[in-house]
Protein backbone atom coordinates (compact mmCIF):
# COMPACT_ATOMS: atom_id res chain seq x y z
CA VAL A 1 9.54 -13.50 134.44
CA LEU A 2 13.39 -13.73 135.12
CA GLY A 3 13.43 -11.12 137.72
CA GLU A 4 11.60 -13.31 139.75
CA LEU A 5 13.50 -16.36 138.33
CA MET A 6 16.50 -14.58 139.81
CA THR A 7 15.54 -13.26 142.86
CA GLU A 8 14.91 -17.12 143.63
CA PHE A 9 18.19 -17.97 143.32
CA GLU A 10 19.72 -15.00 145.11
CA GLU A 11 17.88 -16.37 148.23
CA ASN A 12 20.45 -19.30 148.28
CA LEU A 13 22.70 -18.80 151.27
CA ASP A 14 25.75 -20.04 148.94
CA VAL A 15 25.70 -18.41 145.92
CA GLY A 16 23.53 -15.19 146.74
CA ALA A 17 26.20 -12.75 147.61
CA TRP A 18 27.76 -13.29 144.13
CA VAL A 19 24.73 -13.02 142.37
CA ARG A 20 24.03 -9.86 144.45
CA GLY A 21 27.14 -8.85 142.85
CA TYR A 22 29.37 -8.11 146.21
CA TRP A 23 31.83 -10.30 144.93
CA ASN A 24 35.02 -9.02 143.22
CA VAL A 25 34.63 -9.18 139.48
CA ARG A 26 37.86 -10.65 139.10
CA SER A 27 37.14 -13.00 141.60
CA CYS A 28 34.11 -14.33 139.23
CA PRO A 29 33.09 -16.85 136.78
CA LYS A 30 35.55 -15.86 133.48
CA GLN A 31 31.86 -16.28 131.85
CA VAL A 32 28.39 -17.17 133.09
CA ALA A 33 25.11 -17.82 131.13
CA ILE A 34 21.48 -17.70 132.80
CA ILE A 35 19.60 -20.39 130.79
CA VAL A 36 15.69 -20.07 130.79
CA ASP A 37 14.24 -23.45 129.92
CA GLU A 38 11.42 -24.86 128.46
CA ALA A 39 10.37 -21.21 127.47
CA THR A 40 7.87 -22.53 124.49
CA ASP A 41 5.81 -18.92 125.08
CA ILE A 42 7.27 -17.31 121.72
CA ASP A 43 5.87 -13.77 123.13
CA LEU A 44 8.10 -13.63 126.36
CA ALA A 45 11.34 -15.37 124.18
CA GLU A 46 11.36 -12.38 122.12
CA GLY A 47 10.50 -10.21 124.77
CA LEU A 48 13.49 -11.34 126.85
CA VAL A 49 15.49 -11.36 123.66
CA ALA A 50 14.46 -7.62 122.84
CA THR A 51 15.51 -6.35 126.52
CA VAL A 52 18.57 -8.76 126.74
CA ARG A 53 20.50 -5.25 127.14
CA GLU A 54 19.12 -3.52 129.30
CA THR A 55 18.22 -7.37 131.63
CA MET A 56 21.85 -8.35 131.43
CA THR A 57 23.59 -4.86 132.54
CA LYS A 58 21.63 -5.65 136.17
CA TYR A 59 23.36 -9.15 136.29
CA ARG A 60 26.52 -7.57 134.40
CA LYS A 61 28.79 -8.48 137.86
CA LEU A 62 28.19 -11.98 137.71
CA ALA A 63 31.02 -12.90 135.76
CA GLN A 64 34.14 -11.34 134.14
CA GLU A 65 32.54 -11.05 130.79
CA PRO A 66 29.17 -10.28 129.58
CA VAL A 67 26.35 -12.62 130.75
CA LEU A 68 24.69 -15.22 128.04
CA LEU A 69 21.83 -15.24 128.33
CA VAL A 70 20.19 -19.07 126.66
CA ILE A 71 16.73 -19.23 126.22
CA ALA A 72 15.48 -23.05 125.36
CA GLY A 73 12.54 -24.19 124.23
CA VAL A 74 10.47 -26.44 121.60
CA GLY A 75 8.75 -24.62 118.89
CA LEU A 76 10.62 -21.21 119.01
CA ASP A 77 12.16 -21.55 115.96
CA ALA A 78 8.91 -19.94 114.55
CA VAL A 79 10.11 -16.60 114.90
CA LYS A 80 11.21 -16.76 111.72
CA ASP A 81 8.19 -18.85 110.33
CA ASN A 82 6.38 -16.45 106.91
CA ASP A 83 3.33 -17.96 107.98
CA SER A 84 3.01 -16.74 111.26
CA SER A 85 2.81 -13.51 112.99
CA PHE A 86 5.94 -13.49 114.75
CA SER A 87 8.54 -10.73 114.08
CA MET A 88 10.53 -12.78 111.48
CA ARG A 89 13.83 -12.09 113.29
CA VAL A 90 15.66 -12.40 116.40
CA GLY A 91 16.26 -9.84 118.54
CA THR A 92 16.74 -5.72 116.96
CA ASN A 93 20.16 -6.28 116.44
CA PRO A 94 21.45 -9.78 114.39
CA GLU A 95 24.52 -9.69 116.04
CA TYR A 96 24.31 -9.39 119.36
CA SER A 97 21.61 -12.87 118.75
CA ARG A 98 21.57 -15.90 117.73
CA LEU A 99 18.56 -18.44 116.61
CA VAL A 100 20.39 -21.84 116.62
CA VAL A 101 18.35 -24.78 115.71
CA MET A 102 18.82 -28.61 117.30
CA LYS A 103 18.38 -30.99 114.66
CA SER A 104 19.08 -35.04 116.87
CA PRO A 105 21.53 -35.99 119.51
CA CYS A 106 24.59 -37.36 118.51
CA ILE A 107 24.51 -41.01 119.25
CA GLU A 108 28.00 -41.10 118.21
CA GLU A 109 29.27 -39.01 120.76
CA LEU A 110 27.19 -40.99 123.57
CA GLN A 111 29.20 -43.53 126.21
CA LEU A 112 26.86 -46.18 125.15
CA ASN A 113 27.65 -50.43 125.73
CA LYS A 114 27.39 -52.46 122.24
CA ALA A 115 24.30 -54.12 122.89
CA VAL A 116 22.26 -50.17 123.80
CA LEU A 117 23.89 -49.19 120.41
CA LEU A 118 23.02 -52.25 118.67
CA ALA A 119 19.54 -51.50 119.93
CA LEU A 120 19.65 -47.89 118.98
CA GLU A 121 20.57 -49.43 115.17
CA LYS A 122 18.39 -52.06 114.68
CA GLY A 123 15.25 -51.82 117.03
CA ILE A 124 12.45 -50.96 115.00
CA PHE A 125 10.89 -48.12 116.98
CA ALA A 126 14.34 -47.57 118.84
CA ARG A 127 15.86 -45.71 115.94
CA VAL A 128 13.22 -43.90 114.98
CA LEU A 129 13.16 -42.31 119.02
CA LYS A 130 16.77 -41.69 118.95
CA THR A 131 15.46 -38.82 117.09
CA ASN A 132 14.44 -36.93 119.61
CA ALA A 133 16.37 -35.57 122.66
CA ARG A 134 13.97 -36.14 125.07
CA MET A 135 12.21 -39.18 124.18
CA LEU A 136 16.16 -40.53 123.50
CA PHE A 137 17.42 -39.13 127.41
CA ARG A 138 14.14 -39.65 129.56
CA SER A 139 13.16 -42.83 127.97
CA VAL A 140 14.64 -44.70 125.17
CA LEU A 141 17.47 -45.24 126.78
CA HIS A 142 16.55 -45.51 130.57
CA ILE A 143 14.63 -48.45 129.23
CA LEU A 144 16.83 -49.65 127.07
CA GLN A 145 19.74 -49.55 130.41
CA MET A 146 17.74 -51.39 133.03
CA SER A 147 19.81 -53.50 134.43
CA MET A 148 17.14 -56.62 135.02
CA HIS A 149 17.68 -56.87 131.02
CA LYS A 150 20.99 -58.09 132.30
CA THR A 151 19.42 -61.37 133.71
CA ASP A 152 20.29 -64.52 132.27
CA ALA A 153 19.87 -67.81 134.30
CA PHE A 154 19.95 -69.75 130.46
CA SER A 155 23.13 -70.36 130.04
CA ARG A 156 26.96 -69.46 132.65
CA GLU A 157 28.88 -68.64 128.96
CA ARG A 158 29.86 -65.23 128.49
CA ASP A 159 29.52 -65.02 125.05
CA THR A 160 25.94 -66.59 124.94
CA LYS A 161 24.92 -64.12 127.81
CA ARG A 162 26.28 -61.00 126.02
CA ARG A 163 24.45 -62.74 122.60
CA ARG A 164 21.34 -63.00 124.23
CA TYR A 165 21.38 -59.65 125.60
CA GLU A 166 21.90 -57.69 122.53
CA ASP A 167 19.07 -59.73 121.17
CA ARG A 168 16.71 -58.89 123.79
CA LEU A 169 17.38 -55.16 123.87
CA VAL A 170 17.00 -55.39 119.89
CA GLN A 171 13.50 -56.60 120.92
CA ILE A 172 12.86 -54.54 123.28
CA GLY A 173 13.03 -51.94 120.90
CA SER A 174 11.27 -52.87 118.20
CA PHE A 175 8.13 -54.02 120.85
CA SER A 176 5.97 -50.88 120.45
CA PRO A 177 3.83 -51.15 123.49
CA ILE A 178 7.12 -50.67 125.36
CA MET A 179 9.09 -47.76 123.07
CA ASP A 180 5.33 -45.93 123.22
CA HIS A 181 6.25 -44.36 126.42
CA GLY A 182 8.89 -41.95 124.38
CA PRO A 183 6.01 -40.30 122.63
CA ARG A 184 3.27 -39.93 125.41
CA TYR A 185 6.64 -39.03 128.03
CA TYR A 186 6.99 -35.97 125.62
CA VAL A 187 3.71 -35.53 125.27
CA HIS A 188 2.88 -35.10 129.05
CA TRP A 189 6.12 -33.05 129.71
CA ASN A 190 5.98 -30.95 126.73
CA SER A 191 4.30 -27.42 126.72
CA VAL A 192 0.52 -29.23 125.89
CA ARG A 193 0.32 -31.09 128.58
CA HIS A 194 -1.86 -28.46 130.16
CA LEU A 195 -4.65 -29.23 127.45
CA SER A 196 -7.19 -31.65 127.31
CA THR A 197 -6.97 -34.73 125.70
CA GLN A 198 -8.99 -33.56 123.14
CA GLU A 199 -6.90 -30.82 122.72
CA ARG A 200 -3.47 -32.99 122.29
CA PHE A 201 -5.69 -35.31 120.00
CA ARG A 202 -6.22 -32.10 117.23
CA LEU A 203 -2.61 -31.31 117.66
CA LEU A 204 -0.87 -34.45 116.54
CA LEU A 205 -3.59 -34.71 113.94
CA GLN A 206 -2.54 -30.95 112.89
CA ALA A 207 0.62 -32.37 112.77
CA PHE A 208 -0.39 -35.50 110.45
CA ALA A 209 -1.85 -33.29 108.34
CA TYR A 210 0.69 -30.87 107.73
CA HIS A 211 3.47 -33.55 106.90
CA LEU A 212 1.15 -35.35 104.26
CA VAL A 213 0.76 -31.99 102.85
CA GLU A 214 3.71 -31.07 102.53
CA SER A 215 4.85 -34.37 100.68
CA THR A 216 1.75 -34.11 98.57
CA LYS A 217 2.98 -30.17 97.50
CA LYS A 218 5.79 -31.37 96.06
CA VAL A 219 4.56 -33.63 93.64
CA ALA A 220 1.03 -32.24 92.71
CA GLN A 221 3.02 -29.75 90.20
CA ASN A 222 4.82 -32.57 88.82
CA ALA A 223 3.18 -35.13 88.45
CA GLU A 224 2.34 -36.99 84.94
CA GLU A 225 -0.86 -35.51 83.80
CA SER A 226 -2.98 -38.12 84.31
CA VAL A 227 -2.67 -38.28 87.36
CA ARG A 228 -2.17 -34.55 88.35
CA ALA A 229 -5.85 -33.56 88.77
CA LYS A 230 -6.32 -36.94 91.27
CA VAL A 231 -3.19 -35.93 93.34
CA LYS A 232 -4.41 -32.58 93.86
CA GLU A 233 -8.42 -33.89 94.50
CA GLY A 234 -6.42 -35.47 97.58
CA LEU A 235 -4.57 -31.87 98.09
CA ALA A 236 -6.87 -29.48 98.13
CA LEU A 237 -9.46 -32.24 100.56
CA ILE A 238 -6.47 -31.77 103.33
CA GLU A 239 -6.39 -28.24 103.21
CA LYS A 240 -9.92 -27.45 103.83
CA LEU A 241 -9.75 -29.49 106.66
CA ASP A 242 -10.49 -27.37 110.44
CA ALA A 243 -6.95 -29.48 111.67
CA TYR A 244 -5.30 -27.92 108.89
CA LYS A 245 -6.34 -24.12 108.48
CA MET A 246 -5.41 -23.91 112.58
CA ILE A 247 -1.97 -23.61 111.69
CA ARG A 248 -2.56 -20.37 110.02
CA GLU A 249 -5.52 -19.36 112.38
CA ARG A 250 -3.55 -20.41 115.37
CA PRO A 251 -0.14 -19.31 115.25
CA HIS A 252 0.29 -19.01 118.91
CA GLU A 253 -1.24 -22.25 119.53
CA ASN A 254 -0.13 -24.35 116.63
CA ILE A 255 1.78 -27.55 115.92
CA PHE A 256 5.06 -25.06 115.52
CA SER A 257 4.95 -23.11 118.64
CA LEU A 258 4.19 -26.15 120.93
CA GLY A 259 6.61 -28.04 119.53
CA LEU A 260 5.37 -31.01 117.72
CA ALA A 261 6.64 -30.21 114.38
CA SER A 262 9.50 -27.82 113.11
CA ARG A 263 9.49 -26.24 109.75
CA SER A 264 13.24 -26.44 110.12
CA GLY A 265 13.03 -30.23 109.61
CA THR A 266 10.90 -32.60 111.41
CA SER A 267 12.52 -35.37 113.49
CA SER A 268 11.17 -38.90 112.01
CA ALA A 269 10.25 -39.44 116.38
CA LEU A 270 7.69 -36.29 115.79
CA LYS A 271 6.66 -37.78 112.56
CA TYR A 272 5.46 -40.94 114.38
CA MET A 273 3.64 -38.91 117.04
CA SER A 274 1.51 -37.20 114.56
CA THR A 275 0.45 -40.92 113.40
CA PHE A 276 -0.41 -41.63 116.82
CA GLY A 277 1.99 -45.44 116.08
CA LEU A 278 -0.70 -45.88 113.48
CA THR A 279 1.94 -47.40 111.43
CA CYS A 280 4.17 -50.54 110.68
CA ASN A 281 7.33 -52.31 109.81
CA LEU A 282 7.48 -52.53 105.98
CA ARG A 283 9.61 -55.00 104.48
CA SER A 284 10.21 -55.91 100.58
CA SER A 285 7.68 -58.43 99.45
CA PHE A 286 5.58 -58.62 102.06
CA GLY A 287 2.37 -57.31 100.42
CA ASN A 288 0.57 -57.93 103.36
CA GLU A 289 2.78 -54.58 105.54
CA PHE A 290 1.88 -52.67 102.75
CA GLU A 291 -2.05 -53.80 103.40
CA GLU A 292 -1.67 -52.84 106.54
CA LEU A 293 0.31 -49.56 106.52
CA SER A 294 -2.10 -48.20 103.76
CA ALA A 295 -5.32 -49.40 105.76
CA LEU A 296 -3.56 -47.73 108.57
CA HIS A 297 -2.84 -44.65 106.93
CA PHE A 298 -6.73 -44.46 105.49
CA LEU A 299 -7.94 -44.85 108.76
CA ARG A 300 -5.56 -41.85 110.12
CA VAL A 301 -7.27 -39.92 106.99
CA MET A 302 -10.27 -40.52 108.22
CA GLU A 303 -10.00 -39.45 111.60
CA LEU A 304 -8.41 -35.90 109.86
CA GLN A 305 -12.45 -35.79 108.55
CA GLY A 306 -13.98 -36.24 111.63
CA TYR A 307 -14.81 -40.59 111.83
CA GLU A 308 -14.48 -42.44 114.33
CA THR A 309 -12.46 -45.10 113.50
CA ARG A 310 -12.43 -49.29 113.84
CA ARG A 311 -10.67 -52.62 112.53
CA VAL A 312 -12.21 -55.57 111.79
CA THR A 313 -11.07 -58.51 110.16
CA LEU A 314 -13.86 -60.47 108.22
CA LYS A 315 -14.38 -64.66 108.02
CA TYR A 316 -14.41 -64.84 104.49
CA ALA A 317 -13.07 -62.77 101.31
CA TRP A 318 -14.89 -60.60 99.26
CA PRO A 319 -15.45 -62.39 96.76
CA PRO A 320 -13.89 -65.63 97.16
CA LYS A 321 -10.82 -66.41 95.25
CA ARG A 322 -11.50 -67.51 91.77
CA SER A 323 -11.36 -71.23 90.97
CA LYS A 324 -9.35 -72.28 88.13
CA LYS A 325 -12.83 -73.15 86.26
CA LYS A 326 -13.29 -70.39 83.51
CA LEU A 327 -14.17 -67.13 84.43
CA ALA A 328 -17.95 -67.14 82.93
CA ASN A 329 -18.41 -70.31 84.92
CA ALA A 330 -17.17 -68.95 87.89
CA ILE A 331 -18.82 -65.89 87.61
CA ALA A 332 -22.57 -67.93 86.64
CA GLY A 333 -21.35 -69.81 90.20
CA LEU A 334 -20.46 -66.82 92.73
CA ASP A 335 -23.99 -66.28 93.93
CA GLN A 336 -24.40 -69.58 95.05
CA ILE A 337 -21.45 -68.46 97.49
CA LEU A 338 -21.71 -65.43 98.58
CA GLU A 339 -25.12 -66.29 99.65
CA LYS A 340 -23.95 -69.16 101.06
CA GLN A 341 -20.91 -66.48 102.71
CA SER A 342 -23.09 -64.42 104.03
CA GLU A 343 -25.30 -67.05 106.12
CA ASP A 344 -21.97 -67.22 107.76
CA GLU A 345 -20.40 -64.06 107.89
CA CYS A 346 -23.94 -62.97 109.28
CA LYS A 347 -22.64 -65.36 112.79
CA ASN A 348 -19.74 -63.68 113.26
CA GLU A 349 -20.85 -60.87 115.83
CA GLU A 350 -17.36 -59.84 116.21
CA SER A 351 -16.96 -58.39 113.08
CA LEU A 352 -20.71 -56.53 113.14
CA GLN A 353 -21.14 -55.90 116.96
CA ASP A 354 -22.30 -52.32 117.39
CA VAL A 355 -21.12 -50.47 114.77
CA SER A 356 -24.20 -48.45 114.82
CA SER A 357 -23.42 -44.84 115.70
CA GLU A 358 -24.81 -41.51 116.06
CA ASN A 359 -21.02 -39.89 114.87
CA LYS A 360 -19.14 -40.37 111.86
CA LEU A 361 -17.93 -43.90 111.30
CA CYS A 362 -14.70 -45.70 109.61
CA ILE A 363 -14.93 -48.96 110.04
CA ALA A 364 -12.15 -50.90 107.77
CA PHE A 365 -12.69 -54.98 107.38
CA SER A 366 -9.43 -56.86 106.21
CA GLN A 367 -10.83 -59.61 103.70
CA GLY A 368 -10.15 -63.47 105.42
CA THR A 369 -7.42 -64.52 103.48
CA PRO A 370 -4.26 -62.42 102.57
CA THR A 371 -4.88 -63.72 98.52
CA ALA A 372 -8.00 -62.34 98.02
CA GLN A 373 -9.44 -61.53 95.16
CA GLY A 374 -10.95 -58.17 95.27
CA GLY A 375 -10.15 -55.28 97.16
CA ALA A 376 -7.24 -55.86 100.10
CA VAL A 377 -9.03 -53.71 102.41
CA LEU A 378 -12.33 -52.79 102.68
CA PHE A 379 -14.47 -49.31 104.45
CA LEU A 380 -17.58 -48.82 105.84
CA LEU A 381 -18.06 -45.26 105.53
CA ARG A 382 -21.19 -43.82 107.62
CA ASP A 383 -22.63 -40.37 107.50
CA PRO A 384 -25.62 -39.37 109.47
CA ILE A 385 -25.66 -35.82 108.64
CA ALA A 386 -25.40 -37.12 105.39
CA LYS A 387 -27.78 -39.86 105.63
CA GLU A 388 -25.62 -42.14 103.60
CA SER A 389 -23.40 -45.65 104.09
CA LYS A 390 -20.70 -46.58 101.44
CA LEU A 391 -18.56 -49.06 100.98
CA ASP A 392 -15.04 -48.44 99.46
CA SER A 393 -12.64 -50.89 98.33
CA MET A 394 -9.22 -50.11 98.35
CA GLN A 395 -6.27 -52.34 96.51
CA CYS A 396 -2.39 -52.05 97.02
CA LYS A 397 0.41 -52.59 95.09
CA HIS A 398 4.17 -52.55 96.76
CA TRP A 399 6.24 -52.89 94.53
CA ALA A 400 9.45 -51.05 93.80
CA SER A 401 9.14 -49.12 91.27
CA ARG A 402 6.07 -49.05 88.82
CA PRO A 403 5.28 -52.02 86.07
CA SER A 404 4.60 -51.70 82.38
CA GLU A 405 0.98 -50.18 81.68
CA ASP A 406 -0.60 -53.16 80.90
CA THR A 407 0.45 -54.61 84.20
CA CYS A 408 -1.02 -51.53 86.47
CA ARG A 409 -4.19 -51.87 83.84
CA LEU A 410 -5.30 -55.26 85.91
CA TRP A 411 -4.87 -53.53 88.91
CA TRP A 412 -8.32 -51.83 88.30
CA ASN A 413 -10.12 -55.25 88.24
CA SER A 414 -9.93 -56.25 92.23
CA ILE A 415 -11.97 -53.52 93.19
CA GLY A 416 -14.46 -54.03 90.83
CA VAL A 417 -13.59 -51.53 87.54
CA ASP A 418 -13.12 -52.50 83.76
CA LEU A 419 -10.36 -49.82 82.57
CA LYS A 420 -10.47 -49.87 78.42
CA ASP A 421 -7.21 -48.88 76.62
CA ASP A 422 -9.02 -45.58 75.62
CA GLY A 423 -9.08 -44.78 79.53
CA THR A 424 -12.96 -44.94 79.74
CA ALA A 425 -13.67 -47.60 82.49
CA ASP A 426 -17.20 -49.49 83.93
CA MET A 427 -17.55 -48.68 87.27
CA GLU A 428 -20.76 -51.27 87.40
CA PRO A 429 -18.96 -54.07 84.69
CA THR A 430 -20.95 -57.50 83.96
CA ARG A 431 -17.98 -59.14 82.46
CA GLY A 432 -14.74 -60.18 82.72
CA ALA A 433 -12.50 -60.76 86.09
CA ALA A 434 -14.00 -56.96 86.82
CA ALA A 435 -17.51 -58.42 87.40
CA TYR A 436 -16.31 -61.20 89.20
CA SER A 437 -14.74 -58.29 91.91
CA TYR A 438 -17.85 -55.70 91.58
CA LYS A 439 -20.00 -59.02 92.66
CA GLY A 440 -18.11 -59.47 95.68
CA ILE A 441 -18.35 -56.25 96.59
CA SER A 442 -21.99 -55.64 95.80
CA ALA A 443 -22.87 -59.02 97.93
CA PHE A 444 -20.99 -57.23 100.72
CA CYS A 445 -22.88 -54.56 100.61
CA LYS A 446 -25.96 -55.94 101.48
CA LEU A 447 -24.73 -57.87 103.80
CA LEU A 448 -24.54 -54.44 105.80
CA THR A 449 -27.43 -53.56 104.78
CA LYS A 450 -28.91 -56.60 106.18
CA ARG A 451 -27.06 -56.79 109.23
CA LEU A 452 -27.66 -53.37 110.47
CA GLY A 453 -30.92 -52.43 109.07
CA ASP A 454 -32.37 -50.89 106.05
CA ASP A 455 -31.71 -47.34 107.38
CA TRP A 456 -27.72 -47.61 106.82
CA ASN A 457 -28.43 -48.71 102.87
CA VAL A 458 -25.34 -49.26 101.98
CA THR A 459 -23.68 -48.13 98.35
CA VAL A 460 -20.72 -49.35 96.77
CA GLY A 461 -18.53 -46.40 96.95
CA GLU A 462 -15.26 -45.30 95.87
CA ARG A 463 -11.96 -47.87 94.46
CA HIS A 464 -9.01 -47.02 95.63
CA LEU A 465 -5.43 -48.11 94.12
CA VAL A 466 -2.92 -47.53 96.68
CA MET A 467 1.37 -48.06 95.36
CA SER A 468 4.50 -47.96 97.21
CA PHE A 469 6.08 -46.82 94.68
CA ALA A 470 6.87 -42.76 93.61
CA THR A 471 4.17 -40.71 91.84
CA PRO A 472 4.96 -40.83 88.13
CA THR A 473 6.27 -37.19 86.47
CA GLU A 474 6.50 -38.48 82.60
CA LYS A 475 4.96 -41.80 81.41
CA ALA A 476 1.16 -41.87 82.08
CA PHE A 477 -0.22 -43.67 84.22
CA PRO A 478 -3.93 -45.62 83.56
CA VAL A 479 -6.71 -43.64 85.13
CA PRO A 480 -10.53 -43.48 84.75
CA LYS A 481 -11.23 -40.67 82.81
CA ASN A 482 -14.21 -38.48 83.98
CA GLU A 483 -14.53 -40.91 87.02
CA ASP A 484 -15.23 -39.39 90.60
CA GLY A 485 -15.62 -42.55 92.42
CA VAL A 486 -11.88 -43.53 91.55
CA LYS A 487 -8.94 -42.39 93.80
CA VAL A 488 -5.09 -43.09 93.40
CA TRP A 489 -2.70 -43.26 96.65
CA PHE A 490 0.91 -43.13 95.66
CA ARG A 491 4.14 -42.79 97.66
CA GLU A 492 4.48 -39.40 98.38
CA MET A 493 0.47 -39.51 99.67
CA LEU A 494 1.62 -41.95 102.30
CA GLU A 495 3.62 -39.79 104.39
CA PRO A 496 4.36 -39.60 107.35
CA THR A 497 3.22 -43.04 107.76
CA ILE A 498 4.83 -44.98 105.56
CA SER A 499 8.41 -43.46 105.98
CA VAL A 500 8.96 -42.78 109.64
CA LEU A 501 10.10 -46.56 110.91
CA GLU A 502 11.71 -47.38 107.00
CA LEU A 503 10.80 -48.55 103.56
CA CYS A 504 12.74 -51.28 102.05
CA ASP A 505 13.08 -51.92 98.31
CA PRO A 506 9.38 -53.51 97.62
CA VAL A 507 8.61 -56.78 95.10
CA ASP A 508 5.10 -57.73 94.27
CA TYR A 509 4.72 -61.35 93.04
CA ASN A 510 0.89 -61.10 93.28
CA THR A 511 -1.05 -62.15 90.22
CA ASP A 512 -3.75 -63.45 91.36
CA GLU A 513 -5.96 -60.91 89.44
CA GLN A 514 -4.37 -61.79 85.95
């Protein structure tokens, strides 16, 4: 292969004589490097390294010193992958070859104007994509440095125009439809460009599964006893999926050999690409942003399991926010309110339109109000093979650190779980705040069955409690004992979705369930 490339090079009249070795050695350059770029075939790369001494002997007249062979390509660090079938070494003699793993571009050494540097620092998506060289140099910088951004008819004052120009670039760097050109360009020119769209999608799912598993593994063993089983349960679910198992089963065609991830440290840009853009900016005290992020992460996890996914916003919350009446009176009058809501929600064509599917289907229903009494997000899971339809409920809590045990226990009420002090739980409560929430979830199940047909027969599914703080390792966390229908999600179990942009210190001011 290298010989064919050099033969083409020799045909160039300007340098052909030099390449063929007709020049006097002293007239040649002191040092010469032959660079083989886009060398994503690891077998080829290992072969070139293994035969480098014989190959370079042929071109020894090109320079006064030994010719250097540089093989550049994404995924080449897989040659040192313990889980792969590769040789685990770079060449037969380590003294004559070296593996260099590039991390990310050094922005400080680039000669960029202040406005572009500001956009790379503060742009929500630009600051992520700049961690990958190809996305930065071939996409992000080209977009930010377009001369059209400097056009400003608003003011002739230099300082005003400068500030508006800087603000404009930050806004552009924070606008995902424009910044998404970076990941798209990367995939288009990466080694996966010849693969089908479906195969690319599968590989990005594989990358997502890898980052999720690696993050969860770190806390699975050290998690506090009450939540350890739930953490390991979620980990085992992902590890047994085909998308994840392919990493070991196809070492020559997995995310590492194709440059979509790296065991030596994947950039934030590639992690963002693995989420397929299903993430959002997360700020402190913005519980609605954490609800959105949790919903997006769950949808991506369901895609891993072979579900088609959709998003829908409801007109009402299920159940509606409770009035100031006594709890017993509120529960007694809830049936009438839910019946009226069901009639109106059935008229909402957007919410339940064309949901019939022969494939596995997951629909995320966002509640119609940011102060919903029940779960923040509801998920309809339809599995035609298992012939079951379930409605999962998710409660999201955006806190910087874990609050008191009593506060955490109250969170379960919002998803219809009455958790007692001894760890036992009533999953179908008839009294208290949990009963109010459970009634709303049950009523929505009936509405879905009525709207979609009796063959769906939607029933109440699993209850999910999602929190933005780290997995507890010492103090016990209140979790229902011996209940298969509940799941807990902590920060590490939300990777890579929660960290690819940025996580600020969260605070939760929502006390509705209390």
